[in-house]
Amino acid sequence: MLRKISRLFVIKNRFEASAIIYALALGSAERGQIYLAQYPGFGGKLLFLASCLAVFMAGAKIMDAMKYEREGKAQALPVKVDPEM
């Protein structure tokens, strides 16, 4: 039962990764707006930029992990050798 529940939290394809990154970006932009309201001026803009850059870095890491996982599965597949050659 725990295995079935844990499979819900695994990112399986690029669409799911993109949806997660989109949700993170929306939250980051909302948090950035709060930073701009709480800290007017350069400090608020800097915090807004930092929150957005954190999402960009996390998104790149998620996409890279998807690519490496796909390559690892491709290498793990057995290759059939034709004995006639």
Foldseek 3Di string as FASTA:
>chain_A
DVVVVVVVVDDDDPVSLVVVLVVQQVVLQVVLVVLCVVPPDDRSVVSSVVSNVVSVVVSVVSVVVRVVVVVVVVVPDDDDDDVVD
